[in-house]
Amino acid sequence: MQLTGFVGVDIISETADFIYADEEEWWSSLWSAGTRRRLEALTTPELNRVKAEMLDKVRALKEADGIHTLWRALLASAQKPA
């Protein structure tokens, strides 16, 4: 950011554990994040195959209260000098 002239750069990392009730809810969550772009690029047969494989794998991660997914975001702030 310094190359763009910003000063007072501050970057914070936030992490949250999201819990999805079941595999379908977890799969739906992928369509609300950057992953969506990759999924949309697949043909219908490819998407069906990928979904089946991913749901099969995530099923093994399911705990008593659901499927836990750790999401991380980087939040940045800075000032542009006058």
PDB file of N, CA and C in Angstrom:
ATOM      1  N   MET A   1       0.816  -1.192   0.000  1.00  0.00           N
ATOM      2  CA  MET A   1       0.000   0.000   0.000  1.00  0.00           C
ATOM      3  C   MET A   1       0.857   1.251   0.000  1.00  0.00           C
ATOM      4  N   GLN A   2       2.057   1.143   0.489  1.00  0.00           N
ATOM      5  CA  GLN A   2       2.910   2.327   0.523  1.00  0.00           C
ATOM      6  C   GLN A   2       3.227   2.822  -0.880  1.00  0.00           C
ATOM      7  N   LEU A   3       3.291   1.919  -1.858  1.00  0.00           N
ATOM      8  CA  LEU A   3       3.559   2.330  -3.229  1.00  0.00           C
ATOM      9  C   LEU A   3       2.440   3.207  -3.783  1.00  0.00           C
ATOM     10  N   THR A   4       1.259   3.090  -3.239  1.00  0.00           N
ATOM     11  CA  THR A   4       0.131   3.900  -3.701  1.00  0.00           C
ATOM     12  C   THR A   4       0.015   5.207  -2.941  1.00  0.00           C
ATOM     13  N   GLY A   5       0.891   5.431  -1.969  1.00  0.00           N
ATOM     14  CA  GLY A   5       0.882   6.681  -1.231  1.00  0.00           C
ATOM     15  C   GLY A   5       0.098   6.635   0.065  1.00  0.00           C
ATOM     16  N   PHE A   6      -0.469   5.515   0.425  1.00  0.00           N
ATOM     17  CA  PHE A   6      -1.210   5.415   1.672  1.00  0.00           C
ATOM     18  C   PHE A   6      -0.257   5.345   2.849  1.00  0.00           C
ATOM     19  N   VAL A   7      -0.680   5.878   3.986  1.00  0.00           N
ATOM     20  CA  VAL A   7       0.104   5.835   5.222  1.00  0.00           C
ATOM     21  C   VAL A   7      -0.776   5.289   6.330  1.00  0.00           C
ATOM     22  N   GLY A   8      -0.165   4.949   7.433  1.00  0.00           N
ATOM     23  CA  GLY A   8      -0.936   4.444   8.571  1.00  0.00           C
ATOM     24  C   GLY A   8      -1.680   3.158   8.239  1.00  0.00           C
ATOM     25  N   VAL A   9      -1.037   2.314   7.485  1.00  0.00           N
ATOM     26  CA  VAL A   9      -1.674   1.069   7.063  1.00  0.00           C
ATOM     27  C   VAL A   9      -1.847   0.142   8.261  1.00  0.00           C
ATOM     28  N   ASP A  10      -3.049  -0.393   8.405  1.00  0.00           N
ATOM     29  CA  ASP A  10      -3.351  -1.325   9.487  1.00  0.00           C
ATOM     30  C   ASP A  10      -4.119  -2.501   8.896  1.00  0.00           C
ATOM     31  N   ILE A  11      -3.633  -3.695   9.138  1.00  0.00           N
ATOM     32  CA  ILE A  11      -4.306  -4.897   8.632  1.00  0.00           C
ATOM     33  C   ILE A  11      -4.642  -5.794   9.809  1.00  0.00           C
ATOM     34  N   ILE A  12      -5.899  -6.181   9.870  1.00  0.00           N
ATOM     35  CA  ILE A  12      -6.396  -7.039  10.946  1.00  0.00           C
ATOM     36  C   ILE A  12      -6.901  -8.332  10.318  1.00  0.00           C
ATOM     37  N   SER A  13      -6.576  -9.458  10.937  1.00  0.00           N
ATOM     38  CA  SER A  13      -7.079 -10.752  10.496  1.00  0.00           C
ATOM     39  C   SER A  13      -8.198 -11.185  11.440  1.00  0.00           C
ATOM     40  N   GLU A  14      -9.350 -11.471  10.882  1.00  0.00           N
ATOM     41  CA  GLU A  14     -10.493 -11.945  11.674  1.00  0.00           C
ATOM     42  C   GLU A  14     -10.810 -13.376  11.244  1.00  0.00           C
ATOM     43  N   THR A  15     -11.057 -14.228  12.212  1.00  0.00           N
ATOM     44  CA  THR A  15     -11.371 -15.626  11.941  1.00  0.00           C
ATOM     45  C   THR A  15     -12.668 -15.980  12.655  1.00  0.00           C
ATOM     46  N   ALA A  16     -13.513 -16.745  11.977  1.00  0.00           N
ATOM     47  CA  ALA A  16     -14.777 -17.165  12.585  1.00  0.00           C
ATOM     48  C   ALA A  16     -15.061 -18.612  12.200  1.00  0.00           C
ATOM     49  N   ASP A  17     -15.618 -19.344  13.130  1.00  0.00           N
ATOM     50  CA  ASP A  17     -16.006 -20.737  12.914  1.00  0.00           C
ATOM     51  C   ASP A  17     -17.490 -20.758  12.568  1.00  0.00           C
ATOM     52  N   PHE A  18     -17.807 -21.090  11.335  1.00  0.00           N
ATOM     53  CA  PHE A  18     -19.196 -21.211  10.910  1.00  0.00           C
ATOM     54  C   PHE A  18     -19.602 -22.670  11.032  1.00  0.00           C
ATOM     55  N   ILE A  19     -20.803 -22.902  11.514  1.00  0.00           N
ATOM     56  CA  ILE A  19     -21.290 -24.269  11.685  1.00  0.00           C
ATOM     57  C   ILE A  19     -22.528 -24.452  10.815  1.00  0.00           C
ATOM     58  N   TYR A  20     -22.438 -25.406   9.892  1.00  0.00           N
ATOM     59  CA  TYR A  20     -23.541 -25.704   8.976  1.00  0.00           C
ATOM     60  C   TYR A  20     -24.240 -26.971   9.438  1.00  0.00           C
ATOM     61  N   ALA A  21     -25.556 -26.946   9.411  1.00  0.00           N
ATOM     62  CA  ALA A  21     -26.352 -28.049   9.944  1.00  0.00           C
ATOM     63  C   ALA A  21     -26.114 -29.362   9.205  1.00  0.00           C
ATOM     64  N   ASP A  22     -25.944 -29.273   7.896  1.00  0.00           N
ATOM     65  CA  ASP A  22     -25.766 -30.494   7.108  1.00  0.00           C
ATOM     66  C   ASP A  22     -24.966 -30.203   5.842  1.00  0.00           C
ATOM     67  N   GLU A  23     -24.750 -31.245   5.048  1.00  0.00           N
ATOM     68  CA  GLU A  23     -23.926 -31.129   3.857  1.00  0.00           C
ATOM     69  C   GLU A  23     -24.508 -30.156   2.836  1.00  0.00           C
ATOM     70  N   GLU A  24     -25.801 -30.168   2.652  1.00  0.00           N
ATOM     71  CA  GLU A  24     -26.435 -29.271   1.674  1.00  0.00           C
ATOM     72  C   GLU A  24     -26.294 -27.804   2.086  1.00  0.00           C
ATOM     73  N   GLU A  25     -26.431 -27.534   3.365  1.00  0.00           N
ATOM     74  CA  GLU A  25     -26.251 -26.156   3.839  1.00  0.00           C
ATOM     75  C   GLU A  25     -24.796 -25.720   3.627  1.00  0.00           C
ATOM     76  N   TRP A  26     -23.857 -26.623   3.895  1.00  0.00           N
ATOM     77  CA  TRP A  26     -22.440 -26.331   3.669  1.00  0.00           C
ATOM     78  C   TRP A  26     -22.193 -26.053   2.188  1.00  0.00           C
ATOM     79  N   TRP A  27     -22.739 -26.908   1.307  1.00  0.00           N
ATOM     80  CA  TRP A  27     -22.575 -26.731  -0.138  1.00  0.00           C
ATOM     81  C   TRP A  27     -23.141 -25.374  -0.574  1.00  0.00           C
ATOM     82  N   SER A  28     -24.300 -25.018  -0.081  1.00  0.00           N
ATOM     83  CA  SER A  28     -24.919 -23.730  -0.428  1.00  0.00           C
ATOM     84  C   SER A  28     -24.038 -22.558  -0.013  1.00  0.00           C
ATOM     85  N   SER A  29     -23.322 -22.715   1.090  1.00  0.00           N
ATOM     86  CA  SER A  29     -22.453 -21.629   1.565  1.00  0.00           C
ATOM     87  C   SER A  29     -21.321 -21.338   0.586  1.00  0.00           C
ATOM     88  N   LEU A  30     -20.909 -22.331  -0.177  1.00  0.00           N
ATOM     89  CA  LEU A  30     -19.823 -22.137  -1.146  1.00  0.00           C
ATOM     90  C   LEU A  30     -20.227 -21.170  -2.248  1.00  0.00           C
ATOM     91  N   TRP A  31     -21.531 -21.026  -2.457  1.00  0.00           N
ATOM     92  CA  TRP A  31     -22.035 -20.143  -3.511  1.00  0.00           C
ATOM     93  C   TRP A  31     -22.126 -18.695  -3.052  1.00  0.00           C
ATOM     94  N   SER A  32     -21.769 -18.415  -1.798  1.00  0.00           N
ATOM     95  CA  SER A  32     -21.815 -17.040  -1.296  1.00  0.00           C
ATOM     96  C   SER A  32     -20.418 -16.470  -1.068  1.00  0.00           C
ATOM     97  N   ALA A  33     -19.416 -17.171  -1.569  1.00  0.00           N
ATOM     98  CA  ALA A  33     -18.031 -16.725  -1.377  1.00  0.00           C
ATOM     99  C   ALA A  33     -17.285 -16.780  -2.704  1.00  0.00           C
ATOM    100  N   GLY A  34     -16.006 -16.502  -2.668  1.00  0.00           N
ATOM    101  CA  GLY A  34     -15.185 -16.496  -3.869  1.00  0.00           C
ATOM    102  C   GLY A  34     -15.156 -17.833  -4.586  1.00  0.00           C
ATOM    103  N   THR A  35     -15.448 -18.903  -3.864  1.00  0.00           N
ATOM    104  CA  THR A  35     -15.494 -20.241  -4.453  1.00  0.00           C
ATOM    105  C   THR A  35     -16.519 -20.307  -5.576  1.00  0.00           C
ATOM    106  N   ARG A  36     -17.535 -19.486  -5.478  1.00  0.00           N
ATOM    107  CA  ARG A  36     -18.623 -19.493  -6.455  1.00  0.00           C
ATOM    108  C   ARG A  36     -18.111 -19.378  -7.894  1.00  0.00           C
ATOM    109  N   ARG A  37     -17.120 -18.532  -8.090  1.00  0.00           N
ATOM    110  CA  ARG A  37     -16.594 -18.298  -9.442  1.00  0.00           C
ATOM    111  C   ARG A  37     -16.060 -19.589 -10.060  1.00  0.00           C
ATOM    112  N   ARG A  38     -15.353 -20.370  -9.281  1.00  0.00           N
ATOM    113  CA  ARG A  38     -14.832 -21.645  -9.787  1.00  0.00           C
ATOM    114  C   ARG A  38     -15.950 -22.629 -10.093  1.00  0.00           C
ATOM    115  N   LEU A  39     -16.941 -22.663  -9.227  1.00  0.00           N
ATOM    116  CA  LEU A  39     -18.060 -23.596  -9.432  1.00  0.00           C
ATOM    117  C   LEU A  39     -18.869 -23.219 -10.667  1.00  0.00           C
ATOM    118  N   GLU A  40     -19.074 -21.933 -10.881  1.00  0.00           N
ATOM    119  CA  GLU A  40     -19.853 -21.478 -12.035  1.00  0.00           C
ATOM    120  C   GLU A  40     -19.156 -21.775 -13.357  1.00  0.00           C
ATOM    121  N   ALA A  41     -17.851 -21.951 -13.322  1.00  0.00           N
ATOM    122  CA  ALA A  41     -17.096 -22.233 -14.549  1.00  0.00           C
ATOM    123  C   ALA A  41     -17.234 -23.691 -15.000  1.00  0.00           C
ATOM    124  N   LEU A  42     -17.771 -24.540 -14.141  1.00  0.00           N
ATOM    125  CA  LEU A  42     -17.903 -25.963 -14.462  1.00  0.00           C
ATOM    126  C   LEU A  42     -19.140 -26.232 -15.316  1.00  0.00           C
ATOM    127  N   THR A  43     -19.050 -27.252 -16.145  1.00  0.00           N
ATOM    128  CA  THR A  43     -20.238 -27.700 -16.882  1.00  0.00           C
ATOM    129  C   THR A  43     -21.154 -28.412 -15.902  1.00  0.00           C
ATOM    130  N   THR A  44     -22.398 -28.629 -16.266  1.00  0.00           N
ATOM    131  CA  THR A  44     -23.343 -29.309 -15.364  1.00  0.00           C
ATOM    132  C   THR A  44     -22.851 -30.691 -14.952  1.00  0.00           C
ATOM    133  N   PRO A  45     -22.373 -31.525 -15.883  1.00  0.00           N
ATOM    134  CA  PRO A  45     -21.859 -32.835 -15.448  1.00  0.00           C
ATOM    135  C   PRO A  45     -20.656 -32.715 -14.497  1.00  0.00           C
ATOM    136  N   GLU A  46     -19.753 -31.768 -14.770  1.00  0.00           N
ATOM    137  CA  GLU A  46     -18.601 -31.566 -13.887  1.00  0.00           C
ATOM    138  C   GLU A  46     -19.056 -31.103 -12.508  1.00  0.00           C
ATOM    139  N   LEU A  47     -19.990 -30.164 -12.479  1.00  0.00           N
ATOM    140  CA  LEU A  47     -20.496 -29.637 -11.212  1.00  0.00           C
ATOM    141  C   LEU A  47     -21.155 -30.747 -10.390  1.00  0.00           C
ATOM    142  N   ASN A  48     -21.941 -31.585 -11.039  1.00  0.00           N
ATOM    143  CA  ASN A  48     -22.594 -32.700 -10.336  1.00  0.00           C
ATOM    144  C   ASN A  48     -21.563 -33.654  -9.745  1.00  0.00           C
ATOM    145  N   ARG A  49     -20.503 -33.935 -10.502  1.00  0.00           N
ATOM    146  CA  ARG A  49     -19.448 -34.831 -10.019  1.00  0.00           C
ATOM    147  C   ARG A  49     -18.702 -34.203  -8.848  1.00  0.00           C
ATOM    148  N   VAL A  50     -18.334 -32.932  -8.988  1.00  0.00           N
ATOM    149  CA  VAL A  50     -17.610 -32.229  -7.926  1.00  0.00           C
ATOM    150  C   VAL A  50     -18.464 -32.148  -6.663  1.00  0.00           C
ATOM    151  N   LYS A  51     -19.731 -31.828  -6.825  1.00  0.00           N
ATOM    152  CA  LYS A  51     -20.626 -31.741  -5.658  1.00  0.00           C
ATOM    153  C   LYS A  51     -20.699 -33.070  -4.932  1.00  0.00           C
ATOM    154  N   ALA A  52     -20.890 -34.154  -5.674  1.00  0.00           N
ATOM    155  CA  ALA A  52     -20.989 -35.480  -5.050  1.00  0.00           C
ATOM    156  C   ALA A  52     -19.709 -35.824  -4.296  1.00  0.00           C
ATOM    157  N   GLU A  53     -18.560 -35.547  -4.913  1.00  0.00           N
ATOM    158  CA  GLU A  53     -17.277 -35.837  -4.263  1.00  0.00           C
ATOM    159  C   GLU A  53     -17.072 -34.991  -3.015  1.00  0.00           C
ATOM    160  N   MET A  54     -17.381 -33.702  -3.122  1.00  0.00           N
ATOM    161  CA  MET A  54     -17.180 -32.812  -1.979  1.00  0.00           C
ATOM    162  C   MET A  54     -18.120 -33.139  -0.824  1.00  0.00           C
ATOM    163  N   LEU A  55     -19.374 -33.442  -1.142  1.00  0.00           N
ATOM    164  CA  LEU A  55     -20.315 -33.790  -0.078  1.00  0.00           C
ATOM    165  C   LEU A  55     -19.905 -35.087   0.608  1.00  0.00           C
ATOM    166  N   ASP A  56     -19.371 -36.018  -0.161  1.00  0.00           N
ATOM    167  CA  ASP A  56     -18.902 -37.274   0.411  1.00  0.00           C
ATOM    168  C   ASP A  56     -17.740 -37.018   1.374  1.00  0.00           C
ATOM    169  N   LYS A  57     -16.815 -36.144   0.972  1.00  0.00           N
ATOM    170  CA  LYS A  57     -15.664 -35.841   1.825  1.00  0.00           C
ATOM    171  C   LYS A  57     -16.055 -35.033   3.058  1.00  0.00           C
ATOM    172  N   VAL A  58     -16.951 -34.069   2.898  1.00  0.00           N
ATOM    173  CA  VAL A  58     -17.321 -33.219   4.032  1.00  0.00           C
ATOM    174  C   VAL A  58     -18.185 -33.996   5.039  1.00  0.00           C
ATOM    175  N   ARG A  59     -18.853 -35.015   4.572  1.00  0.00           N
ATOM    176  CA  ARG A  59     -19.663 -35.858   5.463  1.00  0.00           C
ATOM    177  C   ARG A  59     -18.791 -36.447   6.581  1.00  0.00           C
ATOM    178  N   ALA A  60     -17.554 -36.771   6.252  1.00  0.00           N
ATOM    179  CA  ALA A  60     -16.632 -37.343   7.240  1.00  0.00           C
ATOM    180  C   ALA A  60     -16.215 -36.320   8.289  1.00  0.00           C
ATOM    181  N   LEU A  61     -16.372 -35.042   7.988  1.00  0.00           N
ATOM    182  CA  LEU A  61     -15.988 -33.980   8.923  1.00  0.00           C
ATOM    183  C   LEU A  61     -17.132 -33.547   9.836  1.00  0.00           C
ATOM    184  N   LYS A  62     -18.313 -34.075   9.601  1.00  0.00           N
ATOM    185  CA  LYS A  62     -19.496 -33.656  10.352  1.00  0.00           C
ATOM    186  C   LYS A  62     -19.372 -34.066  11.819  1.00  0.00           C
ATOM    187  N   GLU A  63     -19.604 -33.098  12.680  1.00  0.00           N
ATOM    188  CA  GLU A  63     -19.592 -33.331  14.125  1.00  0.00           C
ATOM    189  C   GLU A  63     -21.033 -33.381  14.629  1.00  0.00           C
ATOM    190  N   ALA A  64     -21.213 -33.606  15.911  1.00  0.00           N
ATOM    191  CA  ALA A  64     -22.555 -33.723  16.485  1.00  0.00           C
ATOM    192  C   ALA A  64     -23.399 -32.475  16.243  1.00  0.00           C
ATOM    193  N   ASP A  65     -22.766 -31.297  16.248  1.00  0.00           N
ATOM    194  CA  ASP A  65     -23.514 -30.051  16.069  1.00  0.00           C
ATOM    195  C   ASP A  65     -23.486 -29.539  14.635  1.00  0.00           C
ATOM    196  N   GLY A  66     -22.844 -30.239  13.729  1.00  0.00           N
ATOM    197  CA  GLY A  66     -22.836 -29.828  12.331  1.00  0.00           C
ATOM    198  C   GLY A  66     -21.445 -29.844  11.729  1.00  0.00           C
ATOM    199  N   ILE A  67     -21.309 -29.170  10.600  1.00  0.00           N
ATOM    200  CA  ILE A  67     -20.043 -29.118   9.874  1.00  0.00           C
ATOM    201  C   ILE A  67     -19.381 -27.773  10.160  1.00  0.00           C
ATOM    202  N   HIS A  68     -18.210 -27.824  10.750  1.00  0.00           N
ATOM    203  CA  HIS A  68     -17.475 -26.612  11.101  1.00  0.00           C
ATOM    204  C   HIS A  68     -16.584 -26.193   9.933  1.00  0.00           C
ATOM    205  N   THR A  69     -16.632 -24.917   9.607  1.00  0.00           N
ATOM    206  CA  THR A  69     -15.758 -24.358   8.581  1.00  0.00           C
ATOM    207  C   THR A  69     -15.163 -23.072   9.122  1.00  0.00           C
ATOM    208  N   LEU A  70     -13.856 -22.993   9.071  1.00  0.00           N
ATOM    209  CA  LEU A  70     -13.152 -21.810   9.548  1.00  0.00           C
ATOM    210  C   LEU A  70     -12.977 -20.841   8.388  1.00  0.00           C
ATOM    211  N   TRP A  71     -13.540 -19.639   8.526  1.00  0.00           N
ATOM    212  CA  TRP A  71     -13.418 -18.598   7.507  1.00  0.00           C
ATOM    213  C   TRP A  71     -12.542 -17.488   8.051  1.00  0.00           C
ATOM    214  N   ARG A  72     -11.666 -16.949   7.210  1.00  0.00           N
ATOM    215  CA  ARG A  72     -10.767 -15.868   7.615  1.00  0.00           C
ATOM    216  C   ARG A  72     -10.918 -14.699   6.667  1.00  0.00           C
ATOM    217  N   ALA A  73     -10.870 -13.508   7.224  1.00  0.00           N
ATOM    218  CA  ALA A  73     -10.931 -12.286   6.411  1.00  0.00           C
ATOM    219  C   ALA A  73      -9.817 -11.350   6.866  1.00  0.00           C
ATOM    220  N   LEU A  74      -9.247 -10.653   5.902  1.00  0.00           N
ATOM    221  CA  LEU A  74      -8.267  -9.612   6.199  1.00  0.00           C
ATOM    222  C   LEU A  74      -8.933  -8.270   6.002  1.00  0.00           C
ATOM    223  N   LEU A  75      -8.876  -7.432   7.020  1.00  0.00           N
ATOM    224  CA  LEU A  75      -9.487  -6.109   6.965  1.00  0.00           C
ATOM    225  C   LEU A  75      -8.361  -5.074   6.990  1.00  0.00           C
ATOM    226  N   ALA A  76      -8.345  -4.204   6.007  1.00  0.00           N
ATOM    227  CA  ALA A  76      -7.264  -3.216   5.920  1.00  0.00           C
ATOM    228  C   ALA A  76      -7.832  -1.808   5.971  1.00  0.00           C
ATOM    229  N   SER A  77      -7.100  -0.927   6.618  1.00  0.00           N
ATOM    230  CA  SER A  77      -7.445   0.499   6.610  1.00  0.00           C
ATOM    231  C   SER A  77      -6.154   1.292   6.451  1.00  0.00           C
ATOM    232  N   ALA A  78      -6.266   2.475   5.863  1.00  0.00           N
ATOM    233  CA  ALA A  78      -5.104   3.336   5.647  1.00  0.00           C
ATOM    234  C   ALA A  78      -5.604   4.744   5.354  1.00  0.00           C
ATOM    235  N   GLN A  79      -4.690   5.684   5.389  1.00  0.00           N
ATOM    236  CA  GLN A  79      -5.038   7.058   5.086  1.00  0.00           C
ATOM    237  C   GLN A  79      -4.253   7.507   3.850  1.00  0.00           C
ATOM    238  N   LYS A  80      -4.896   8.325   3.058  1.00  0.00           N
ATOM    239  CA  LYS A  80      -4.256   8.946   1.899  1.00  0.00           C
ATOM    240  C   LYS A  80      -3.882  10.347   2.338  1.00  0.00           C
ATOM    241  N   PRO A  81      -2.591  10.687   2.363  1.00  0.00           N
ATOM    242  CA  PRO A  81      -2.187  12.031   2.802  1.00  0.00           C
ATOM    243  C   PRO A  81      -2.807  13.116   1.918  1.00  0.00           C
ATOM    244  N   ALA A  82      -3.099  14.238   2.527  1.00  0.00           N
ATOM    245  CA  ALA A  82      -3.705  15.358   1.781  1.00  0.00           C
ATOM    246  C   ALA A  82      -2.726  15.991   0.830  1.00  0.00           C
TER     247      ALA A  82
END
